[in-house]
Protein backbone atom coordinates (compact mmCIF):
# COMPACT_ATOMS: atom_id res chain seq x y z
CA MET A 1 73.86 -71.95 69.13
CA ARG A 2 77.44 -72.80 68.35
CA ILE A 3 76.20 -76.15 67.12
CA HIS A 4 73.63 -74.74 65.16
CA ARG A 5 75.88 -72.43 63.09
CA HIS A 6 78.32 -75.35 62.68
CA ALA A 7 75.53 -77.04 61.25
CA LYS A 8 74.56 -74.53 58.65
CA LYS A 9 78.21 -74.24 57.63
CA ALA A 10 78.37 -77.85 57.14
CA ALA A 11 75.17 -77.72 55.01
CA THR A 12 76.46 -74.91 52.80
CA ALA A 13 79.81 -76.71 52.05
CA ALA A 14 77.60 -79.94 51.15
CA VAL A 15 75.65 -77.79 48.52
CA LEU A 16 78.93 -76.17 47.35
CA ALA A 17 80.53 -79.43 47.04
CA GLY A 18 77.53 -80.76 44.90
CA ALA A 19 77.42 -77.92 42.85
CA PHE A 20 81.16 -78.20 42.10
CA ALA A 21 80.98 -81.58 41.13
CA LEU A 22 78.20 -81.01 38.50
CA ALA A 23 80.01 -78.21 37.06
CA VAL A 24 83.28 -80.12 36.63
CA GLY A 25 81.53 -83.53 35.70
CA LEU A 26 82.37 -85.71 38.82
CA PRO A 27 80.16 -88.66 39.40
CA ALA A 28 76.80 -87.93 40.85
CA GLY A 29 75.15 -90.79 42.70
CA ALA A 30 75.26 -93.82 40.04
CA GLN A 31 75.30 -91.37 37.12
CA GLU A 32 79.04 -90.94 35.84
CA THR A 33 79.74 -88.10 33.46
CA ASP A 34 81.46 -89.39 29.98
CA PRO A 35 84.79 -89.83 30.25
CA THR A 36 85.76 -88.41 26.88
CA VAL A 37 84.11 -85.04 27.84
CA GLY A 38 86.17 -82.53 29.20
CA LEU A 39 85.63 -79.29 31.07
CA GLY A 40 86.00 -77.03 28.35
CA GLN A 41 83.36 -79.27 26.37
CA GLN A 42 80.88 -79.23 29.53
CA LEU A 43 81.33 -75.40 29.66
CA ASN A 44 80.32 -75.02 25.76
CA LEU A 45 77.64 -77.07 26.11
CA LEU A 46 76.19 -74.94 28.97
CA TRP A 47 76.78 -71.98 26.90
CA ILE A 48 74.64 -73.20 24.07
CA VAL A 49 71.94 -74.12 26.47
CA ILE A 50 71.91 -70.56 28.28
CA GLY A 51 72.02 -69.10 25.02
CA ALA A 52 68.95 -71.10 23.92
CA ILE A 53 67.11 -70.22 27.14
CA LEU A 54 67.66 -66.51 26.73
CA VAL A 55 66.50 -66.70 23.18
CA ILE A 56 63.08 -68.39 24.46
CA PHE A 57 62.88 -65.58 26.79
CA MET A 58 62.85 -63.37 23.90
CA GLN A 59 59.22 -64.82 23.42
CA ALA A 60 57.85 -62.58 26.45
CA GLY A 61 59.72 -59.46 24.92
CA PHE A 62 57.82 -60.00 21.44
CA ALA A 63 54.49 -60.73 23.71
CA LEU A 64 54.96 -57.44 25.44
CA VAL A 65 56.03 -55.32 22.52
CA GLU A 66 53.34 -56.19 20.38
CA THR A 67 50.36 -56.51 22.75
CA GLY A 68 51.59 -52.83 24.08
CA PHE A 69 51.54 -51.39 20.36
CA CYS A 70 47.91 -52.81 19.71
CA ARG A 71 44.55 -51.91 21.00
CA ALA A 72 43.18 -53.06 24.21
CA LYS A 73 40.17 -54.80 22.87
CA HIS A 74 42.59 -57.15 21.28
CA ALA A 75 45.06 -57.43 23.93
CA ALA A 76 44.47 -61.29 24.74
CA HIS A 77 44.12 -62.31 21.32
CA VAL A 78 47.62 -60.70 20.59
CA VAL A 79 49.27 -62.16 23.60
CA SER A 80 47.92 -65.22 23.05
CA THR A 81 49.44 -65.39 19.51
CA ASN A 82 52.82 -64.74 20.93
CA PHE A 83 52.13 -67.49 23.87
CA ALA A 84 50.87 -70.28 21.40
CA ILE A 85 53.80 -69.58 18.45
CA PHE A 86 56.27 -71.54 21.03
CA GLY A 87 54.42 -74.72 21.23
CA LEU A 88 52.92 -74.81 17.71
CA GLY A 89 56.31 -73.90 15.83
CA PHE A 90 58.14 -76.52 18.49
CA VAL A 91 55.88 -79.09 17.36
CA GLY A 92 56.24 -78.51 13.61
CA PHE A 93 60.24 -78.14 13.87
CA PHE A 94 60.56 -81.26 16.05
CA LEU A 95 58.32 -83.52 14.21
CA VAL A 96 59.49 -82.41 10.58
CA GLY A 97 61.42 -79.20 10.32
CA PHE A 98 64.53 -80.09 12.22
CA PRO A 99 65.68 -82.87 9.91
CA LEU A 100 64.92 -81.13 6.56
CA ALA A 101 67.11 -78.09 8.02
CA PHE A 102 69.89 -79.87 9.87
CA GLY A 103 69.84 -83.50 8.96
CA GLY A 104 73.28 -82.97 7.44
CA TYR A 105 75.01 -80.58 10.07
CA SER A 106 78.35 -81.80 11.74
CA TYR A 107 77.97 -81.63 15.38
CA ASP A 108 81.75 -81.62 15.38
CA LEU A 109 81.45 -78.11 17.32
CA PRO A 110 84.13 -76.28 18.57
CA GLY A 111 85.62 -77.73 21.63
CA PHE A 112 83.22 -80.78 21.22
CA ASP A 113 85.82 -83.54 20.17
CA TRP A 114 83.73 -86.03 21.94
CA GLY A 115 84.39 -89.08 19.63
CA TYR A 116 80.82 -89.85 18.65
CA GLY A 117 78.24 -87.89 17.30
CA ALA A 118 80.31 -85.68 15.04
CA GLU A 119 78.94 -87.22 11.97
CA PRO A 120 75.62 -85.56 10.15
CA LEU A 121 72.50 -87.65 11.68
CA GLY A 122 71.71 -88.03 8.00
CA GLY A 123 72.33 -86.46 4.49
CA ALA A 124 70.86 -84.83 1.51
CA LEU A 125 67.24 -85.23 0.73
CA VAL A 126 66.79 -83.09 -1.90
CA GLY A 127 70.17 -82.42 -4.55
CA SER A 128 73.73 -83.43 -3.44
CA GLY A 129 76.95 -81.82 -2.69
CA SER A 130 77.38 -77.99 -2.96
CA TRP A 131 73.95 -77.98 -4.55
CA THR A 132 71.80 -79.49 -1.74
CA PHE A 133 68.50 -77.86 -0.99
CA LEU A 134 67.27 -80.18 1.69
CA PHE A 135 68.57 -82.81 4.18
CA HIS A 136 66.96 -85.84 6.17
CA GLY A 137 68.03 -87.47 9.40
CA GLY A 138 66.87 -87.75 13.36
CA TRP A 139 63.26 -87.47 12.52
CA ALA A 140 61.48 -86.67 15.69
CA MET A 141 64.96 -86.97 17.42
CA LEU A 142 63.88 -90.86 17.46
CA GLY A 143 67.01 -92.36 15.56
CA ASP A 144 69.87 -94.20 16.96
CA SER A 145 70.13 -93.17 20.34
CA ASP A 146 74.16 -93.32 20.39
CA ARG A 147 73.86 -90.32 17.59
CA ILE A 148 71.39 -88.48 19.68
CA THR A 149 74.39 -86.92 21.97
CA PRO A 150 73.95 -83.83 24.27
CA ALA A 151 75.59 -81.81 21.59
CA VAL A 152 72.61 -82.53 19.25
CA LEU A 153 70.29 -81.62 21.76
CA ALA A 154 71.62 -78.55 22.90
CA PHE A 155 72.04 -77.32 18.97
CA PHE A 156 68.18 -78.65 18.51
CA LEU A 157 67.05 -76.41 21.64
CA TYR A 158 69.19 -73.54 20.30
CA MET A 159 67.66 -73.84 16.74
CA VAL A 160 63.96 -74.27 18.13
CA ALA A 161 64.37 -71.14 19.65
CA PHE A 162 65.43 -69.09 16.30
CA MET A 163 62.71 -70.78 14.68
CA ASP A 164 60.02 -69.65 16.87
CA THR A 165 61.42 -65.98 16.45
CA VAL A 166 60.77 -66.39 12.49
CA ALA A 167 57.11 -67.69 13.50
CA THR A 168 56.33 -64.79 15.73
CA ILE A 169 57.15 -62.02 13.56
CA PRO A 170 53.98 -62.25 11.56
CA THR A 171 51.98 -61.96 14.70
CA GLY A 172 52.76 -58.35 14.78
CA SER A 173 52.05 -57.24 11.46
CA MET A 174 48.85 -59.56 11.34
CA ALA A 175 47.59 -58.47 14.58
CA GLU A 176 44.06 -57.44 15.57
CA ARG A 177 42.50 -59.00 12.35
CA TRP A 178 43.76 -62.83 12.11
CA LYS A 179 41.43 -65.66 12.87
CA TRP A 180 42.93 -67.68 15.55
CA LYS A 181 42.29 -71.22 13.98
CA SER A 182 44.40 -69.93 10.71
CA PHE A 183 46.99 -68.44 12.69
CA VAL A 184 47.31 -72.19 14.45
CA VAL A 185 48.05 -73.33 10.79
CA TRP A 186 50.51 -70.77 10.33
CA GLY A 187 52.65 -71.94 13.38
CA LEU A 188 52.78 -75.60 12.30
CA PHE A 189 53.79 -74.57 9.05
CA CYS A 190 56.68 -72.44 9.96
CA GLY A 191 58.16 -74.71 12.14
CA ALA A 192 57.60 -77.64 9.83
CA ILE A 193 58.40 -76.24 6.14
CA TYR A 194 58.74 -72.35 6.07
CA TYR A 195 61.70 -71.57 8.38
CA PRO A 196 63.53 -75.26 7.68
CA ILE A 197 63.77 -74.45 3.82
CA PHE A 198 65.82 -71.32 4.30
CA ALA A 199 67.81 -72.93 7.36
CA ALA A 200 68.88 -75.64 5.17
CA TRP A 201 70.09 -73.39 2.02
CA THR A 202 72.44 -71.46 4.56
CA TRP A 203 73.08 -72.73 8.05
CA GLY A 204 72.38 -76.63 7.48
CA GLY A 205 75.06 -76.80 4.87
CA GLY A 206 72.91 -76.12 1.84
CA TRP A 207 73.35 -74.38 -1.70
CA LEU A 208 73.44 -70.82 -0.59
CA GLY A 209 76.13 -71.36 1.80
CA LYS A 210 78.15 -73.09 -0.73
CA THR A 211 78.36 -70.44 -3.39
CA TRP A 212 82.12 -69.90 -2.60
CA ASP A 213 82.44 -72.96 -4.28
CA THR A 214 79.63 -72.91 -7.22
CA LEU A 215 79.82 -69.18 -7.89
CA GLY A 216 83.25 -68.04 -6.40
CA LEU A 217 81.34 -65.70 -3.80
CA GLY A 218 83.68 -64.95 -0.90
CA ALA A 219 82.93 -67.32 1.98
CA GLY A 220 79.35 -68.02 0.62
CA TYR A 221 76.33 -66.64 2.24
CA ALA A 222 77.36 -65.88 5.77
CA ASP A 223 74.93 -64.68 8.57
CA PHE A 224 76.25 -65.21 12.01
CA ALA A 225 73.12 -65.22 14.02
CA GLY A 226 70.47 -64.58 11.66
CA SER A 227 69.77 -61.09 10.29
CA GLY A 228 68.30 -62.81 7.20
CA VAL A 229 67.87 -66.29 8.18
CA VAL A 230 65.77 -65.62 10.77
CA HIS A 231 64.43 -61.97 10.77
CA ALA A 232 64.38 -61.14 7.31
CA VAL A 233 62.74 -64.48 6.60
CA GLY A 234 60.31 -63.75 9.31
CA GLY A 235 59.78 -60.17 7.75
CA ALA A 236 58.92 -61.69 4.36
CA ALA A 237 55.90 -63.70 6.06
CA ALA A 238 54.99 -60.80 7.87
CA LEU A 239 55.09 -58.58 4.50
CA ALA A 240 53.07 -61.61 2.81
CA GLY A 241 50.43 -62.14 5.55
CA ALA A 242 49.81 -58.34 5.80
CA LEU A 243 49.09 -58.20 2.21
CA VAL A 244 46.49 -60.97 2.34
CA LEU A 245 44.78 -59.95 5.00
CA GLY A 246 44.48 -56.25 4.21
CA PRO A 247 44.43 -53.15 6.61
CA ARG A 248 42.51 -52.94 9.60
CA ILE A 249 39.17 -51.36 9.58
CA GLY A 250 39.56 -47.69 9.82
CA LYS A 251 43.34 -47.52 9.14
CA PHE A 252 42.87 -45.62 5.71
CA GLY A 253 40.73 -42.98 5.11
CA ALA A 254 38.13 -42.79 1.85
CA ASP A 255 41.52 -41.17 0.29
CA GLY A 256 43.79 -43.57 1.34
CA THR A 257 45.30 -41.12 4.01
CA PRO A 258 46.33 -43.36 6.84
CA ARG A 259 44.85 -42.81 10.41
CA ALA A 260 46.70 -43.50 13.73
CA LEU A 261 45.35 -46.54 15.71
CA PRO A 262 47.27 -45.80 19.04
CA GLY A 263 48.44 -48.84 20.93
CA HIS A 264 47.02 -49.00 24.61
CA HIS A 265 50.17 -49.58 26.53
CA ILE A 266 53.54 -48.00 25.77
CA PRO A 267 55.23 -48.95 28.83
CA MET A 268 54.58 -52.59 28.11
CA ALA A 269 56.06 -52.30 24.68
CA MET A 270 59.11 -50.46 26.02
CA LEU A 271 59.28 -53.09 28.90
CA GLY A 272 59.14 -55.73 26.15
CA THR A 273 61.93 -53.95 24.04
CA PHE A 274 64.37 -54.33 27.32
CA ILE A 275 63.75 -57.92 27.53
CA LEU A 276 64.39 -58.24 23.83
CA LEU A 277 67.56 -56.57 24.34
CA PHE A 278 68.49 -58.85 27.15
CA GLY A 279 67.44 -61.87 25.42
CA TRP A 280 69.50 -60.71 22.35
CA PHE A 281 72.96 -61.45 23.77
CA GLY A 282 71.91 -64.97 23.73
CA PHE A 283 70.72 -64.74 20.30
CA ASN A 284 73.90 -63.36 19.17
CA ALA A 285 76.78 -64.36 21.52
CA ALA A 286 76.15 -67.78 22.26
CA SER A 287 76.08 -68.49 18.29
CA THR A 288 79.65 -68.92 18.77
CA PHE A 289 78.51 -72.26 20.11
CA ALA A 290 81.45 -72.14 22.46
CA ALA A 291 82.20 -70.14 25.63
CA THR A 292 85.99 -71.37 24.95
CA ASP A 293 85.67 -68.84 21.47
CA VAL A 294 86.45 -65.53 22.96
CA GLN A 295 84.73 -63.92 19.87
CA PHE A 296 81.62 -64.04 22.11
CA ALA A 297 82.74 -60.87 24.01
CA THR A 298 83.27 -58.98 20.58
CA VAL A 299 79.57 -60.15 19.58
CA ALA A 300 78.05 -59.16 22.65
CA ALA A 301 79.64 -55.62 22.57
CA ASN A 302 78.89 -55.11 19.03
CA THR A 303 75.21 -56.01 19.77
CA ALA A 304 74.81 -53.65 22.30
CA ILE A 305 76.36 -50.83 20.60
CA ALA A 306 74.24 -51.36 17.63
CA GLY A 307 71.12 -51.29 19.88
CA ALA A 308 72.28 -48.12 21.63
CA PHE A 309 73.14 -46.29 18.34
CA GLY A 310 69.63 -47.26 16.77
CA ALA A 311 67.68 -46.11 19.54
CA VAL A 312 69.36 -42.65 19.70
CA ALA A 313 69.16 -42.19 15.93
CA ALA A 314 65.36 -43.22 16.11
CA MET A 315 65.00 -40.47 18.89
CA LEU A 316 66.71 -37.44 17.17
CA TRP A 317 65.31 -38.60 13.76
CA MET A 318 61.98 -38.35 15.13
CA THR A 319 62.64 -35.42 17.29
CA TYR A 320 64.61 -33.03 14.70
CA VAL A 321 63.29 -34.48 11.20
CA ARG A 322 59.99 -36.40 11.48
CA GLY A 323 57.70 -34.18 14.08
CA GLY A 324 59.42 -32.76 16.91
CA LYS A 325 58.81 -35.20 19.34
CA PRO A 326 60.74 -38.23 20.29
CA ASP A 327 58.06 -40.83 19.82
CA PRO A 328 58.61 -43.63 22.43
CA GLY A 329 57.38 -46.29 19.62
CA MET A 330 59.81 -45.27 17.37
CA MET A 331 62.77 -45.01 19.80
CA ALA A 332 61.90 -48.76 20.43
CA ASN A 333 61.74 -49.91 16.98
CA GLY A 334 64.93 -48.25 16.49
CA MET A 335 66.80 -50.20 19.14
CA LEU A 336 65.21 -53.45 17.77
CA ALA A 337 66.47 -52.33 14.25
CA GLY A 338 69.80 -51.79 15.41
CA LEU A 339 69.72 -55.17 17.19
CA VAL A 340 68.57 -56.74 13.91
CA ALA A 341 70.73 -55.26 11.72
CA ILE A 342 73.87 -56.14 13.69
CA THR A 343 72.81 -59.71 14.14
CA ALA A 344 74.31 -60.95 10.62
CA PRO A 345 77.93 -59.24 10.85
CA CYS A 346 78.13 -59.06 14.76
CA ALA A 347 81.13 -61.38 14.86
CA PHE A 348 82.70 -59.83 11.42
CA THR A 349 82.93 -56.19 12.16
CA ARG A 350 84.33 -53.76 14.21
CA PRO A 351 83.09 -51.62 16.92
CA GLY A 352 83.15 -48.40 15.11
CA TRP A 353 81.11 -50.30 11.94
CA SER A 354 78.46 -51.54 14.76
CA ALA A 355 77.57 -47.57 15.79
CA VAL A 356 77.33 -46.94 12.09
CA ILE A 357 74.92 -50.13 11.35
CA GLY A 358 73.17 -48.88 14.39
CA LEU A 359 72.51 -45.45 13.20
CA ILE A 360 71.52 -46.62 9.63
CA ALA A 361 69.20 -49.04 11.03
CA GLY A 362 67.53 -46.46 13.24
CA VAL A 363 66.76 -43.94 10.69
CA LEU A 364 66.04 -47.01 8.06
CA VAL A 365 63.19 -48.43 10.17
CA ILE A 366 61.41 -44.78 10.53
CA GLU A 367 61.56 -44.35 6.92
CA SER A 368 60.57 -47.76 5.88
CA VAL A 369 57.71 -47.58 8.32
CA LEU A 370 56.29 -44.34 6.71
CA VAL A 371 56.77 -45.56 3.07
CA ILE A 372 55.05 -48.80 3.49
CA GLU A 373 52.06 -47.35 5.28
CA LYS A 374 51.67 -43.99 3.09
CA ARG A 375 53.01 -45.35 -0.13
CA PHE A 376 52.27 -48.80 -0.37
CA LYS A 377 48.95 -48.56 2.08
CA ILE A 378 50.19 -51.96 3.98
CA ASP A 379 48.95 -51.92 7.63
CA ASP A 380 51.59 -53.34 10.08
CA PRO A 381 50.42 -52.36 13.75
CA VAL A 382 53.61 -52.63 15.27
CA GLY A 383 56.11 -52.20 12.36
CA ALA A 384 57.30 -55.79 12.21
CA ILE A 385 57.87 -55.74 8.25
CA SER A 386 60.45 -52.63 8.82
CA VAL A 387 62.05 -53.75 11.74
CA HIS A 388 62.61 -57.41 10.67
CA GLY A 389 62.22 -57.72 7.15
CA VAL A 390 64.02 -54.30 5.79
CA CYS A 391 66.59 -53.90 8.55
CA GLY A 392 67.12 -57.83 8.60
CA THR A 393 67.82 -57.32 4.83
CA PHE A 394 70.14 -54.39 5.61
CA GLY A 395 72.08 -56.74 8.18
CA VAL A 396 72.68 -59.50 5.47
CA LEU A 397 74.24 -56.75 3.16
CA CYS A 398 76.24 -55.60 5.92
CA VAL A 399 78.22 -58.57 5.97
CA GLY A 400 79.51 -57.88 2.74
CA ILE A 401 80.10 -54.66 3.51
CA PHE A 402 81.60 -53.93 6.70
CA SER A 403 83.16 -57.47 7.61
CA ASP A 404 86.88 -56.68 8.40
CA GLY A 405 88.46 -60.42 7.84
CA SER A 406 89.61 -60.94 11.48
CA TYR A 407 87.17 -63.92 12.17
CA GLY A 408 85.40 -66.52 10.23
CA ALA A 409 88.30 -68.59 8.70
CA GLY A 410 86.93 -71.44 6.88
CA TRP A 411 83.40 -70.32 7.03
CA ASN A 412 80.96 -72.74 5.18
CA GLY A 413 83.84 -75.24 4.50
CA SER A 414 85.46 -72.13 2.46
CA ASP A 415 89.31 -71.63 2.35
CA VAL A 416 88.87 -68.09 3.27
CA GLU A 417 91.21 -66.95 6.15
CA GLY A 418 88.12 -64.55 7.27
CA VAL A 419 84.95 -63.29 6.25
CA LYS A 420 85.65 -60.10 4.50
CA GLY A 421 83.47 -57.43 3.02
CA ILE A 422 83.71 -54.95 0.09
CA LEU A 423 85.31 -51.95 2.31
CA TYR A 424 88.23 -54.73 3.01
CA GLY A 425 88.71 -55.95 -0.41
CA ASP A 426 86.27 -59.06 -1.24
CA ALA A 427 83.48 -57.94 -3.62
CA GLY A 428 82.22 -61.56 -4.00
CA GLN A 429 81.36 -61.61 -0.21
CA LEU A 430 78.92 -58.71 -1.10
CA GLY A 431 77.40 -60.70 -4.10
CA ALA A 432 76.86 -63.61 -1.77
CA GLN A 433 74.93 -61.73 0.85
CA ALA A 434 72.77 -59.80 -2.01
CA LEU A 435 72.02 -63.22 -3.70
CA GLY A 436 70.69 -64.55 -0.30
CA ALA A 437 68.71 -61.59 0.19
CA LEU A 438 67.25 -61.85 -3.09
CA VAL A 439 66.04 -65.40 -2.58
CA ILE A 440 64.46 -64.24 0.53
CA TRP A 441 62.31 -61.58 -1.10
CA THR A 442 61.37 -63.73 -4.08
CA VAL A 443 61.52 -67.71 -3.48
CA ILE A 444 60.94 -67.18 0.36
CA PHE A 445 58.35 -64.40 0.41
CA GLY A 446 56.49 -66.35 -2.47
CA LEU A 447 56.30 -69.32 -0.55
CA ALA A 448 54.67 -67.21 2.45
CA PHE A 449 52.66 -65.51 -0.10
CA ALA A 450 51.42 -68.54 -1.84
CA PHE A 451 50.78 -70.31 1.61
CA PHE A 452 48.50 -67.48 3.23
CA LYS A 453 46.67 -67.27 -0.30
CA ILE A 454 45.84 -70.77 -0.42
CA GLN A 455 44.92 -70.94 3.08
CA ASP A 456 42.56 -67.69 2.72
CA LYS A 457 40.90 -69.61 -0.41
CA VAL A 458 40.25 -73.07 1.41
CA ALA A 459 39.61 -71.90 4.89
CA SER A 460 36.11 -71.41 5.73
CA GLY A 461 35.32 -67.95 5.90
CA GLY A 462 39.13 -67.07 4.85
CA ILE A 463 41.78 -66.26 7.54
CA ARG A 464 40.68 -62.80 8.42
CA SER A 465 38.30 -62.60 11.44
CA ALA A 466 34.51 -61.28 10.81
CA GLU A 467 34.24 -57.35 10.53
CA GLU A 468 31.71 -57.48 13.78
CA ASP A 469 34.47 -59.57 15.84
CA GLU A 470 37.19 -56.87 14.65
CA LEU A 471 34.81 -54.00 15.61
CA VAL A 472 34.14 -55.21 19.03
CA GLY A 473 37.59 -56.83 19.61
CA LEU A 474 39.00 -59.98 18.91
CA ASP A 475 39.61 -61.40 22.65
CA LEU A 476 35.79 -62.20 23.21
CA PRO A 477 34.77 -63.48 19.79
CA GLU A 478 37.87 -65.57 19.51
CA MET A 479 39.56 -66.40 22.83
CA GLY A 480 36.49 -66.40 25.02
CA VAL A 481 38.00 -64.09 27.66
CA VAL A 482 38.95 -60.30 27.34
CA ALA A 483 42.25 -58.83 28.80
CA TYR A 484 40.78 -56.21 30.71
CA PRO A 485 37.28 -57.34 32.13
CA GLU A 486 37.18 -54.58 34.73
CA PHE A 487 36.63 -51.94 31.91
CA GLY A 488 33.81 -51.53 29.84
CA GLY A 489 34.40 -51.08 25.82
CA GLY A 490 37.78 -51.96 24.26
CA GLY A 491 36.69 -55.48 23.88
CA GLY A 492 35.42 -55.85 27.55
CA LEU A 493 31.76 -56.18 28.96
CA PRO A 494 30.02 -53.81 31.02
CA SER A 495 29.56 -54.96 34.79
CA SER A 496 26.07 -55.64 34.36
CA ALA A 497 26.36 -57.68 30.94
CA SER A 498 26.61 -61.44 31.02
CA THR A 499 29.81 -63.28 29.99
CA SER A 500 28.12 -65.98 28.21
CA ALA A 501 27.39 -63.72 25.12
CA PRO A 502 29.26 -62.03 22.70
CA ALA A 503 29.66 -58.16 23.30
CA ARG A 504 29.01 -55.86 20.57
CA ALA A 505 30.69 -52.29 20.50
CA PRO A 506 29.13 -49.60 18.40
CA GLU A 507 30.21 -49.14 14.73
CA THR A 508 33.34 -47.39 15.43
CA VAL A 509 37.03 -47.61 14.92
């Protein structure tokens, strides 16, 4: 027994020693760590990869939220769009989008003085200098192997996760009536073209990030983790797609009055919201690109504050202003609205302002949902246009309002000592943010609308599912399976029915 205990201790010590060796970069077998890479650099690289993993895990949250907020007869279809978009967008971004967006990006990141790989993979493809619109370099990551460094690959992994967030947002607003084959084309297009364009203009070093130089606007367009680059851009596509598709059958009465088409699984949607909250700390805090940049603690705290205040604001607003009940769905959207809105200013503002941002976003999302549905007759089953589009735009503007100048020195290559909003003396920053928002809702929205409109014209039968398929549920006609086969109706089959033939429900909503 004594020998057994010693053997267990020795084995445990060996495992811990091996883990320590990996952590500090000691040689592992014949593979030696580059001697120019220090412990801080290794830690920062690990920080980026962990952040990317957290953002990728948010896809599970989106899948649960959207599926829960939709009807049971479409559940397999909705969850499948959220699953498939990861691979589709990834392929498009890997093959085409990444070089267009970040071919000119310098990988001399904080704490990454590696002596190699710091120079951009390419350069300007369209435009030059402060007026660059697209980049080139690192196509399909098969360029000079000495330049495709671990820092480049970590950055790619992080950015592909952000791109997939953009791609998945329209799956909510276009749910329950989007033809599968048309959805597949969107996933590839978003990763290859749609997201990379605005990413190139901002995070990639393009013209919107350089308006500090060309137009004298603060530090240029500043968006720490993507209220605009990710959420508003995704929200613009969500609006464009919903407009082209039109509302679900039965959503509006003959007089235009909206009807409730309740989601089938509110607990699922709220669990998805918690998963999104968890992943959001990778979304925002890891955008420092360095664990050695302790501002990540401020970012994480501001993120949680805004999300909490957004949820509470939505709960109180629904209870005391809009109907007397808290409404679990609106509470969830209130939290998401606060998280979306704080994503751009999370590193630049103070905790008190983060609470204010969350409060405003929690109310804004409710009112925008009502306006979009009742006034404009746009059908958005999960509120994606309001959560991501409206509150994402609000977050973009918050940078120009609430940033206090304590962080962001040299942002976008400018000479500012910190990103500072109008409340702290820099009206130019608000101008840069407003210009970015204007571009999203004109050029980028126009690109998405043109894509869906053209696709609707050229695709056989358009991009919308057949009416009879929508009535019975898209699960069996589009996916070949149903989400809940034990139950009759709701897209499922009675127990006596053959699974080889599509079921047809009565002509009811």
